């Protein structure tokens, strides 16, 4: 994966695939002393969005990685962008859940 990124650094497909690999179970097979790496996945998805900002699947994967990292405000923003691009029930539900988590976490901390 890193060789593909070295050859074409601006390929959103490579960045997206790298992010999916980092957050998958297969990542553990290649890096035995690690667990799913959502931080690397989040960074890879953000790089992919730099080169293809309108890709809904990358946005959805970014929001998922942000939720796993407990970055609820960032996940809420990603969900809001998803609603603007494609206002379907799944995206509205994602936005509602992340908004609720932002409110709950702000009340606790």
N, C-alpha and C. Protein backbone atom coordinates (compact mmCIF):
# COMPACT_ATOMS: atom_id res chain seq x y z
N UNK A 1 0.82 -1.18 0.00
CA UNK A 1 0.00 0.00 0.00
C UNK A 1 0.87 1.26 0.00
N UNK A 2 1.90 1.24 0.79
CA UNK A 2 2.77 2.41 0.87
C UNK A 2 3.52 2.62 -0.43
N UNK A 3 3.82 1.55 -1.17
CA UNK A 3 4.48 1.69 -2.46
C UNK A 3 3.56 2.38 -3.46
N UNK A 4 2.28 2.04 -3.42
CA UNK A 4 1.32 2.69 -4.31
C UNK A 4 1.19 4.17 -3.99
N UNK A 5 1.21 4.51 -2.71
CA UNK A 5 1.13 5.93 -2.31
C UNK A 5 2.41 6.67 -2.70
N UNK A 6 3.55 5.98 -2.66
CA UNK A 6 4.80 6.63 -3.05
C UNK A 6 4.81 6.94 -4.54
N UNK A 7 4.20 6.08 -5.34
CA UNK A 7 4.17 6.31 -6.79
C UNK A 7 3.18 7.40 -7.19
N UNK A 8 2.03 7.43 -6.50
CA UNK A 8 1.00 8.42 -6.82
C UNK A 8 0.42 8.94 -5.52
N UNK A 9 1.04 9.97 -4.97
CA UNK A 9 0.67 10.50 -3.67
C UNK A 9 -0.72 11.14 -3.68
N UNK A 10 -1.18 11.60 -4.83
CA UNK A 10 -2.46 12.31 -4.90
C UNK A 10 -3.63 11.41 -5.32
N UNK A 11 -3.48 10.11 -5.18
CA UNK A 11 -4.55 9.18 -5.54
C UNK A 11 -5.49 9.00 -4.35
N UNK A 12 -6.72 9.50 -4.49
CA UNK A 12 -7.67 9.37 -3.40
C UNK A 12 -8.05 7.90 -3.19
N UNK A 13 -7.99 7.10 -4.24
CA UNK A 13 -8.32 5.68 -4.11
C UNK A 13 -7.31 4.97 -3.22
N UNK A 14 -6.04 5.27 -3.41
CA UNK A 14 -4.99 4.66 -2.57
C UNK A 14 -5.13 5.08 -1.12
N UNK A 15 -5.40 6.36 -0.90
CA UNK A 15 -5.56 6.85 0.48
C UNK A 15 -6.77 6.20 1.14
N UNK A 16 -7.87 6.07 0.39
CA UNK A 16 -9.07 5.46 0.94
C UNK A 16 -8.81 3.99 1.29
N UNK A 17 -8.15 3.27 0.38
CA UNK A 17 -7.83 1.87 0.64
C UNK A 17 -6.89 1.72 1.83
N UNK A 18 -5.93 2.63 1.96
CA UNK A 18 -5.00 2.60 3.09
C UNK A 18 -5.76 2.82 4.41
N UNK A 19 -6.70 3.74 4.40
CA UNK A 19 -7.52 3.98 5.59
C UNK A 19 -8.37 2.78 5.95
N UNK A 20 -8.96 2.15 4.94
CA UNK A 20 -9.76 0.95 5.20
C UNK A 20 -8.91 -0.18 5.75
N UNK A 21 -7.70 -0.31 5.24
CA UNK A 21 -6.79 -1.35 5.73
C UNK A 21 -6.40 -1.07 7.18
N UNK A 22 -6.15 0.19 7.50
CA UNK A 22 -5.72 0.54 8.85
C UNK A 22 -6.81 0.26 9.88
N UNK A 23 -8.07 0.43 9.52
CA UNK A 23 -9.13 0.20 10.50
C UNK A 23 -9.72 -1.20 10.43
N UNK A 24 -9.16 -2.05 9.61
CA UNK A 24 -9.69 -3.41 9.48
C UNK A 24 -8.94 -4.39 10.36
N UNK A 25 -9.46 -5.59 10.43
CA UNK A 25 -8.80 -6.65 11.19
C UNK A 25 -7.53 -7.12 10.50
N UNK A 26 -7.44 -6.96 9.20
CA UNK A 26 -6.27 -7.41 8.46
C UNK A 26 -5.02 -6.61 8.85
N UNK A 27 -5.21 -5.39 9.30
CA UNK A 27 -4.08 -4.57 9.73
C UNK A 27 -3.31 -5.26 10.85
N UNK A 28 -4.05 -5.96 11.70
CA UNK A 28 -3.44 -6.66 12.84
C UNK A 28 -2.56 -7.80 12.34
N UNK A 29 -2.93 -8.43 11.22
CA UNK A 29 -2.12 -9.51 10.67
C UNK A 29 -0.76 -9.02 10.20
N UNK A 30 -0.72 -7.80 9.64
CA UNK A 30 0.53 -7.25 9.14
C UNK A 30 1.36 -6.59 10.24
N UNK A 31 0.71 -6.16 11.29
CA UNK A 31 1.38 -5.53 12.42
C UNK A 31 0.97 -6.28 13.69
N UNK A 32 1.67 -7.35 14.04
CA UNK A 32 1.21 -8.26 15.09
C UNK A 32 1.03 -7.65 16.47
N UNK A 33 1.77 -6.64 16.81
CA UNK A 33 1.67 -6.06 18.15
C UNK A 33 0.74 -4.85 18.20
N UNK A 34 -0.14 -4.73 17.23
CA UNK A 34 -1.01 -3.56 17.20
C UNK A 34 -2.47 -3.99 17.17
N UNK A 35 -3.32 -3.01 17.27
CA UNK A 35 -4.74 -3.23 17.13
C UNK A 35 -5.22 -2.34 15.99
N UNK A 36 -6.49 -2.29 15.78
CA UNK A 36 -7.00 -1.44 14.71
C UNK A 36 -6.51 0.00 14.93
N UNK A 37 -6.01 0.59 13.88
CA UNK A 37 -5.39 1.90 13.99
C UNK A 37 -6.32 2.95 13.39
N UNK A 38 -7.25 3.44 14.21
CA UNK A 38 -8.23 4.41 13.72
C UNK A 38 -7.61 5.78 13.49
N UNK A 39 -6.55 6.10 14.20
CA UNK A 39 -5.87 7.39 14.00
C UNK A 39 -5.26 7.46 12.61
N UNK A 40 -4.58 6.40 12.21
CA UNK A 40 -4.01 6.34 10.85
C UNK A 40 -5.12 6.34 9.81
N UNK A 41 -6.19 5.63 10.09
CA UNK A 41 -7.32 5.59 9.17
C UNK A 41 -7.92 6.98 8.99
N UNK A 42 -8.08 7.71 10.11
CA UNK A 42 -8.65 9.06 10.02
C UNK A 42 -7.77 9.97 9.17
N UNK A 43 -6.46 9.90 9.39
CA UNK A 43 -5.55 10.73 8.59
C UNK A 43 -5.60 10.36 7.12
N UNK A 44 -5.67 9.06 6.83
CA UNK A 44 -5.73 8.62 5.43
C UNK A 44 -7.03 9.10 4.77
N UNK A 45 -8.15 9.02 5.49
CA UNK A 45 -9.41 9.49 4.92
C UNK A 45 -9.39 11.00 4.69
N UNK A 46 -8.74 11.74 5.59
CA UNK A 46 -8.63 13.19 5.39
C UNK A 46 -7.78 13.52 4.17
N UNK A 47 -6.70 12.76 3.96
CA UNK A 47 -5.90 12.94 2.74
C UNK A 47 -6.73 12.62 1.50
N UNK A 48 -7.51 11.55 1.56
CA UNK A 48 -8.35 11.17 0.42
C UNK A 48 -9.35 12.27 0.11
N UNK A 49 -9.90 12.90 1.13
CA UNK A 49 -10.87 13.97 0.91
C UNK A 49 -10.23 15.22 0.32
N UNK A 50 -8.93 15.41 0.54
CA UNK A 50 -8.24 16.55 -0.09
C UNK A 50 -8.27 16.43 -1.62
N UNK A 51 -8.21 15.19 -2.10
CA UNK A 51 -8.14 14.96 -3.54
C UNK A 51 -9.49 14.65 -4.16
N UNK A 52 -10.48 14.28 -3.37
CA UNK A 52 -11.84 14.05 -3.86
C UNK A 52 -12.81 14.42 -2.75
N UNK A 53 -13.13 15.70 -2.66
CA UNK A 53 -13.93 16.22 -1.56
C UNK A 53 -15.40 15.80 -1.61
N UNK A 54 -15.88 15.35 -2.74
CA UNK A 54 -17.31 15.02 -2.88
C UNK A 54 -17.60 13.54 -2.74
N UNK A 55 -16.64 12.75 -2.33
CA UNK A 55 -16.84 11.31 -2.24
C UNK A 55 -17.58 10.99 -0.94
N UNK A 56 -18.79 10.50 -1.08
CA UNK A 56 -19.65 10.24 0.08
C UNK A 56 -19.13 9.07 0.91
N UNK A 57 -18.63 8.04 0.26
CA UNK A 57 -18.15 6.88 1.01
C UNK A 57 -16.94 7.23 1.88
N UNK A 58 -16.05 8.06 1.37
CA UNK A 58 -14.89 8.47 2.17
C UNK A 58 -15.36 9.29 3.37
N UNK A 59 -16.32 10.18 3.17
CA UNK A 59 -16.87 10.97 4.27
C UNK A 59 -17.49 10.07 5.33
N UNK A 60 -18.23 9.07 4.89
CA UNK A 60 -18.86 8.15 5.83
C UNK A 60 -17.81 7.37 6.62
N UNK A 61 -16.76 6.93 5.94
CA UNK A 61 -15.70 6.20 6.63
C UNK A 61 -14.94 7.11 7.59
N UNK A 62 -14.75 8.37 7.19
CA UNK A 62 -14.11 9.33 8.08
C UNK A 62 -14.94 9.54 9.34
N UNK A 63 -16.24 9.70 9.19
CA UNK A 63 -17.11 9.88 10.36
C UNK A 63 -17.06 8.67 11.28
N UNK A 64 -16.99 7.48 10.70
CA UNK A 64 -16.89 6.26 11.51
C UNK A 64 -15.58 6.22 12.29
N UNK A 65 -14.48 6.56 11.65
CA UNK A 65 -13.19 6.58 12.33
C UNK A 65 -13.19 7.65 13.45
N UNK A 66 -13.80 8.79 13.18
CA UNK A 66 -13.87 9.84 14.20
C UNK A 66 -14.71 9.39 15.39
N UNK A 67 -15.77 8.65 15.14
CA UNK A 67 -16.57 8.13 16.25
C UNK A 67 -15.76 7.15 17.09
N UNK A 68 -14.98 6.29 16.44
CA UNK A 68 -14.16 5.32 17.16
C UNK A 68 -13.10 6.02 18.01
N UNK A 69 -12.64 7.16 17.55
CA UNK A 69 -11.63 7.93 18.29
C UNK A 69 -12.26 8.88 19.31
N UNK A 70 -13.58 8.86 19.39
CA UNK A 70 -14.37 9.71 20.30
C UNK A 70 -14.19 11.20 19.99
N UNK A 71 -14.03 11.50 18.73
CA UNK A 71 -14.00 12.89 18.26
C UNK A 71 -15.40 13.24 17.76
N UNK A 72 -16.31 13.42 18.73
CA UNK A 72 -17.72 13.54 18.38
C UNK A 72 -18.06 14.83 17.63
N UNK A 73 -17.41 15.92 17.97
CA UNK A 73 -17.68 17.18 17.27
C UNK A 73 -17.24 17.08 15.81
N UNK A 74 -16.10 16.48 15.56
CA UNK A 74 -15.63 16.31 14.18
C UNK A 74 -16.53 15.34 13.42
N UNK A 75 -16.99 14.29 14.09
CA UNK A 75 -17.91 13.34 13.45
C UNK A 75 -19.24 14.01 13.13
N UNK A 76 -19.67 14.91 14.00
CA UNK A 76 -20.91 15.65 13.76
C UNK A 76 -20.76 16.54 12.52
N UNK A 77 -19.62 17.18 12.38
CA UNK A 77 -19.36 18.01 11.21
C UNK A 77 -19.31 17.17 9.93
N UNK A 78 -18.67 16.02 10.00
CA UNK A 78 -18.63 15.12 8.83
C UNK A 78 -20.03 14.66 8.46
N UNK A 79 -20.86 14.37 9.46
CA UNK A 79 -22.23 13.95 9.20
C UNK A 79 -23.05 15.10 8.61
N UNK A 80 -22.78 16.32 9.05
CA UNK A 80 -23.49 17.48 8.50
C UNK A 80 -23.15 17.66 7.02
N UNK A 81 -21.89 17.47 6.67
CA UNK A 81 -21.48 17.57 5.27
C UNK A 81 -22.13 16.45 4.45
N UNK A 82 -22.25 15.27 5.04
CA UNK A 82 -22.93 14.16 4.36
C UNK A 82 -24.38 14.51 4.06
N UNK A 83 -25.06 15.14 5.01
CA UNK A 83 -26.46 15.52 4.80
C UNK A 83 -26.56 16.54 3.67
N UNK A 84 -25.63 17.47 3.60
CA UNK A 84 -25.67 18.47 2.54
C UNK A 84 -25.48 17.83 1.18
N UNK A 85 -24.63 16.81 1.10
CA UNK A 85 -24.37 16.18 -0.19
C UNK A 85 -25.44 15.17 -0.57
N UNK A 86 -25.93 14.42 0.41
CA UNK A 86 -26.92 13.39 0.12
C UNK A 86 -27.86 13.25 1.31
N UNK A 87 -28.99 13.96 1.29
CA UNK A 87 -29.89 13.94 2.45
C UNK A 87 -30.80 12.70 2.48
N UNK A 88 -30.24 11.58 2.90
CA UNK A 88 -31.02 10.36 3.06
C UNK A 88 -31.14 10.03 4.55
N UNK A 89 -32.02 9.10 4.87
CA UNK A 89 -32.32 8.79 6.27
C UNK A 89 -31.08 8.33 7.04
N UNK A 90 -30.22 7.53 6.40
CA UNK A 90 -29.03 7.02 7.08
C UNK A 90 -28.12 8.18 7.51
N UNK A 91 -27.96 9.17 6.66
CA UNK A 91 -27.11 10.32 7.01
C UNK A 91 -27.75 11.18 8.08
N UNK A 92 -29.08 11.33 8.05
CA UNK A 92 -29.77 12.09 9.09
C UNK A 92 -29.63 11.38 10.44
N UNK A 93 -29.72 10.07 10.44
CA UNK A 93 -29.57 9.31 11.69
C UNK A 93 -28.15 9.47 12.24
N UNK A 94 -27.16 9.41 11.38
CA UNK A 94 -25.78 9.61 11.79
C UNK A 94 -25.60 10.99 12.41
N UNK A 95 -26.18 12.00 11.79
CA UNK A 95 -26.08 13.36 12.31
C UNK A 95 -26.78 13.49 13.66
N UNK A 96 -27.94 12.86 13.80
CA UNK A 96 -28.68 12.93 15.07
C UNK A 96 -27.90 12.26 16.20
N UNK A 97 -27.32 11.11 15.93
CA UNK A 97 -26.56 10.40 16.96
C UNK A 97 -25.32 11.18 17.37
N UNK A 98 -24.58 11.70 16.38
CA UNK A 98 -23.36 12.44 16.73
C UNK A 98 -23.69 13.75 17.45
N UNK A 99 -24.78 14.40 17.06
CA UNK A 99 -25.20 15.63 17.76
C UNK A 99 -25.55 15.32 19.21
N UNK A 100 -26.25 14.23 19.41
CA UNK A 100 -26.60 13.82 20.77
C UNK A 100 -25.35 13.52 21.59
N UNK A 101 -24.39 12.83 21.01
CA UNK A 101 -23.16 12.51 21.74
C UNK A 101 -22.35 13.77 22.07
N UNK A 102 -22.38 14.75 21.16
CA UNK A 102 -21.69 16.02 21.45
C UNK A 102 -22.34 16.69 22.65
N UNK A 103 -23.67 16.69 22.70
CA UNK A 103 -24.37 17.30 23.83
C UNK A 103 -24.10 16.57 25.15
N UNK A 104 -24.16 15.25 25.09
CA UNK A 104 -23.93 14.45 26.31
C UNK A 104 -22.49 14.65 26.81
N UNK A 105 -21.52 14.59 25.92
CA UNK A 105 -20.12 14.72 26.33
C UNK A 105 -19.81 16.13 26.83
N UNK A 106 -20.43 17.14 26.24
CA UNK A 106 -20.18 18.50 26.71
C UNK A 106 -20.81 18.71 28.08
N UNK A 107 -21.91 18.02 28.39
CA UNK A 107 -22.53 18.14 29.69
C UNK A 107 -21.69 17.41 30.76
N UNK A 108 -21.06 16.32 30.37
CA UNK A 108 -20.26 15.54 31.32
C UNK A 108 -18.94 16.23 31.61
N UNK A 109 -18.27 16.72 30.57
CA UNK A 109 -16.96 17.33 30.76
C UNK A 109 -17.11 18.79 30.84
